[in-house]
Amino acid sequence: MKDKLLKIIDYYGWDKQLKYIHSEYFELDEAILDYENYIDLVDMELNTKTQLKNHIAEEIADVMVMLKQFQYAYNISDKYIEDMMNIKIDRQLDRIKDGEDNG
């Protein structure tokens, strides 16, 4: 996968891919909003709900493909990203805890 993603970013260029990633973020946001707006409907069909969830999954995949291109282009390991994610998750949980303790 890494070689394929590096080929894509090399072909299109960094500037174009930076612009493109923004459109992918927006499409994910729209897919989530569509789901949340429809989920409030009591008589929503299971098929519609499934389609909306599948659309969210597709948009997450698009964003992840873009993120992976930049991760590989900058030669950042999965381990380093996972470590950073854990630090950020723990920090956010500490903030939540502090808010609960103060509330």
C-alpha atoms as a PDB file:
ATOM      1  CA  MET A   1       0.000   0.000   0.000  1.00  0.00           C
ATOM      2  CA  LYS A   2       2.804   2.408   0.912  1.00  0.00           C
ATOM      3  CA  ASP A   3       4.350   2.330  -2.571  1.00  0.00           C
ATOM      4  CA  LYS A   4       0.970   2.868  -4.210  1.00  0.00           C
ATOM      5  CA  LEU A   5       0.145   5.852  -2.006  1.00  0.00           C
ATOM      6  CA  LEU A   6       3.559   7.425  -2.553  1.00  0.00           C
ATOM      7  CA  LYS A   7       3.074   6.999  -6.299  1.00  0.00           C
ATOM      8  CA  ILE A   8      -0.249   8.852  -6.077  1.00  0.00           C
ATOM      9  CA  ILE A   9       1.107  11.802  -4.103  1.00  0.00           C
ATOM     10  CA  ASP A  10       4.180  11.979  -6.321  1.00  0.00           C
ATOM     11  CA  TYR A  11       2.024  12.003  -9.446  1.00  0.00           C
ATOM     12  CA  TYR A  12      -0.463  14.669  -8.353  1.00  0.00           C
ATOM     13  CA  GLY A  13       1.921  16.692  -6.210  1.00  0.00           C
ATOM     14  CA  TRP A  14       1.747  17.879  -2.654  1.00  0.00           C
ATOM     15  CA  ASP A  15      -0.140  21.087  -3.327  1.00  0.00           C
ATOM     16  CA  LYS A  16      -2.922  19.355  -5.237  1.00  0.00           C
ATOM     17  CA  GLN A  17      -3.240  16.623  -2.622  1.00  0.00           C
ATOM     18  CA  LEU A  18      -3.352  19.199   0.182  1.00  0.00           C
ATOM     19  CA  LYS A  19      -6.290  20.849  -1.550  1.00  0.00           C
ATOM     20  CA  TYR A  20      -7.919  17.490  -2.245  1.00  0.00           C
ATOM     21  CA  ILE A  21      -7.715  16.345   1.380  1.00  0.00           C
ATOM     22  CA  HIS A  22      -9.899  19.308   2.361  1.00  0.00           C
ATOM     23  CA  SER A  23     -12.647  18.165   0.011  1.00  0.00           C
ATOM     24  CA  GLU A  24     -12.428  14.671   1.497  1.00  0.00           C
ATOM     25  CA  TYR A  25     -12.801  16.079   5.033  1.00  0.00           C
ATOM     26  CA  PHE A  26     -15.847  18.015   3.878  1.00  0.00           C
ATOM     27  CA  GLU A  27     -17.429  14.932   2.271  1.00  0.00           C
ATOM     28  CA  LEU A  28     -16.962  12.968   5.501  1.00  0.00           C
ATOM     29  CA  ASP A  29     -18.536  15.784   7.470  1.00  0.00           C
ATOM     30  CA  GLU A  30     -21.497  15.841   5.088  1.00  0.00           C
ATOM     31  CA  ALA A  31     -21.954  12.060   5.291  1.00  0.00           C
ATOM     32  CA  ILE A  32     -22.033  12.182   9.090  1.00  0.00           C
ATOM     33  CA  LEU A  33     -24.475  15.092   9.084  1.00  0.00           C
ATOM     34  CA  ASP A  34     -26.726  13.260   6.615  1.00  0.00           C
ATOM     35  CA  TYR A  35     -26.774  10.225   8.893  1.00  0.00           C
ATOM     36  CA  GLU A  36     -27.435  12.276  12.025  1.00  0.00           C
ATOM     37  CA  ASN A  37     -30.229  14.225  10.349  1.00  0.00           C
ATOM     38  CA  TYR A  38     -31.913  11.069   9.049  1.00  0.00           C
ATOM     39  CA  ILE A  39     -31.408   9.048  12.228  1.00  0.00           C
ATOM     40  CA  ASP A  40     -33.836  11.390  13.966  1.00  0.00           C
ATOM     41  CA  LEU A  41     -36.615  10.189  11.681  1.00  0.00           C
ATOM     42  CA  VAL A  42     -38.623   7.553  13.529  1.00  0.00           C
ATOM     43  CA  ASP A  43     -39.676   5.619  10.424  1.00  0.00           C
ATOM     44  CA  MET A  44     -36.272   5.524   8.759  1.00  0.00           C
ATOM     45  CA  GLU A  45     -35.879   2.314   6.811  1.00  0.00           C
ATOM     46  CA  LEU A  46     -33.108  -0.055   7.845  1.00  0.00           C
ATOM     47  CA  ASN A  47     -31.869  -0.064   4.242  1.00  0.00           C
ATOM     48  CA  THR A  48     -31.528   3.724   4.260  1.00  0.00           C
ATOM     49  CA  LYS A  49     -29.707   3.639   7.595  1.00  0.00           C
ATOM     50  CA  THR A  50     -27.321   0.997   6.267  1.00  0.00           C
ATOM     51  CA  GLN A  51     -26.666   2.997   3.111  1.00  0.00           C
ATOM     52  CA  LEU A  52     -25.908   6.114   5.140  1.00  0.00           C
ATOM     53  CA  LYS A  53     -23.523   4.199   7.417  1.00  0.00           C
ATOM     54  CA  ASN A  54     -21.822   2.688   4.383  1.00  0.00           C
ATOM     55  CA  HIS A  55     -21.401   6.183   2.963  1.00  0.00           C
ATOM     56  CA  ILE A  56     -19.708   7.283   6.194  1.00  0.00           C
ATOM     57  CA  ALA A  57     -17.373   4.275   5.972  1.00  0.00           C
ATOM     58  CA  GLU A  58     -16.507   5.136   2.368  1.00  0.00           C
ATOM     59  CA  GLU A  59     -15.721   8.740   3.295  1.00  0.00           C
ATOM     60  CA  ILE A  60     -13.610   7.642   6.286  1.00  0.00           C
ATOM     61  CA  ALA A  61     -11.654   5.425   3.887  1.00  0.00           C
ATOM     62  CA  ASP A  62     -11.128   8.380   1.531  1.00  0.00           C
ATOM     63  CA  VAL A  63      -9.814  10.560   4.360  1.00  0.00           C
ATOM     64  CA  MET A  64      -7.591   7.764   5.650  1.00  0.00           C
ATOM     65  CA  VAL A  65      -6.126   7.232   2.172  1.00  0.00           C
ATOM     66  CA  MET A  66      -5.237  10.908   2.028  1.00  0.00           C
ATOM     67  CA  LEU A  67      -3.780  10.889   5.544  1.00  0.00           C
ATOM     68  CA  LYS A  68      -1.708   7.808   4.773  1.00  0.00           C
ATOM     69  CA  GLN A  69      -0.275   9.529   1.685  1.00  0.00           C
ATOM     70  CA  PHE A  70       1.081  12.335   3.849  1.00  0.00           C
ATOM     71  CA  GLN A  71       2.166   9.969   6.598  1.00  0.00           C
ATOM     72  CA  TYR A  72       4.250   7.970   4.130  1.00  0.00           C
ATOM     73  CA  ALA A  73       5.485  11.024   2.257  1.00  0.00           C
ATOM     74  CA  TYR A  74       6.845  12.406   5.533  1.00  0.00           C
ATOM     75  CA  ASN A  75       8.120   8.954   6.514  1.00  0.00           C
ATOM     76  CA  ILE A  76       6.179   8.822   9.788  1.00  0.00           C
ATOM     77  CA  SER A  77       5.765   5.347  11.246  1.00  0.00           C
ATOM     78  CA  ASP A  78       2.478   3.783  12.295  1.00  0.00           C
ATOM     79  CA  LYS A  79       3.985   3.312  15.764  1.00  0.00           C
ATOM     80  CA  TYR A  80       4.762   6.997  16.120  1.00  0.00           C
ATOM     81  CA  ILE A  81       1.230   7.944  15.053  1.00  0.00           C
ATOM     82  CA  GLU A  82      -0.276   5.399  17.446  1.00  0.00           C
ATOM     83  CA  ASP A  83       1.879   6.771  20.283  1.00  0.00           C
ATOM     84  CA  MET A  84       0.744  10.326  19.479  1.00  0.00           C
ATOM     85  CA  MET A  85      -2.875   9.200  19.369  1.00  0.00           C
ATOM     86  CA  ASN A  86      -2.548   7.568  22.789  1.00  0.00           C
ATOM     87  CA  ILE A  87      -1.011  10.726  24.253  1.00  0.00           C
ATOM     88  CA  LYS A  88      -3.818  12.857  22.822  1.00  0.00           C
ATOM     89  CA  ILE A  89      -6.532  10.434  23.959  1.00  0.00           C
ATOM     90  CA  ASP A  90      -5.122  10.311  27.490  1.00  0.00           C
ATOM     91  CA  ARG A  91      -4.822  14.108  27.591  1.00  0.00           C
ATOM     92  CA  GLN A  92      -8.457  14.481  26.497  1.00  0.00           C
ATOM     93  CA  LEU A  93      -9.619  11.948  29.080  1.00  0.00           C
ATOM     94  CA  ASP A  94      -7.708  13.907  31.729  1.00  0.00           C
ATOM     95  CA  ARG A  95      -9.516  17.060  30.613  1.00  0.00           C
ATOM     96  CA  ILE A  96     -12.843  15.279  30.877  1.00  0.00           C
ATOM     97  CA  LYS A  97     -11.930  13.980  34.331  1.00  0.00           C
ATOM     98  CA  ASP A  98     -10.865  17.443  35.468  1.00  0.00           C
ATOM     99  CA  GLY A  99     -14.131  18.862  34.165  1.00  0.00           C
ATOM    100  CA  GLU A 100     -16.114  16.225  36.047  1.00  0.00           C
ATOM    101  CA  ASP A 101     -14.098  16.833  39.215  1.00  0.00           C
ATOM    102  CA  ASN A 102     -14.726  20.583  38.968  1.00  0.00           C
ATOM    103  CA  GLY A 103     -18.365  20.269  37.961  1.00  0.00           C
END
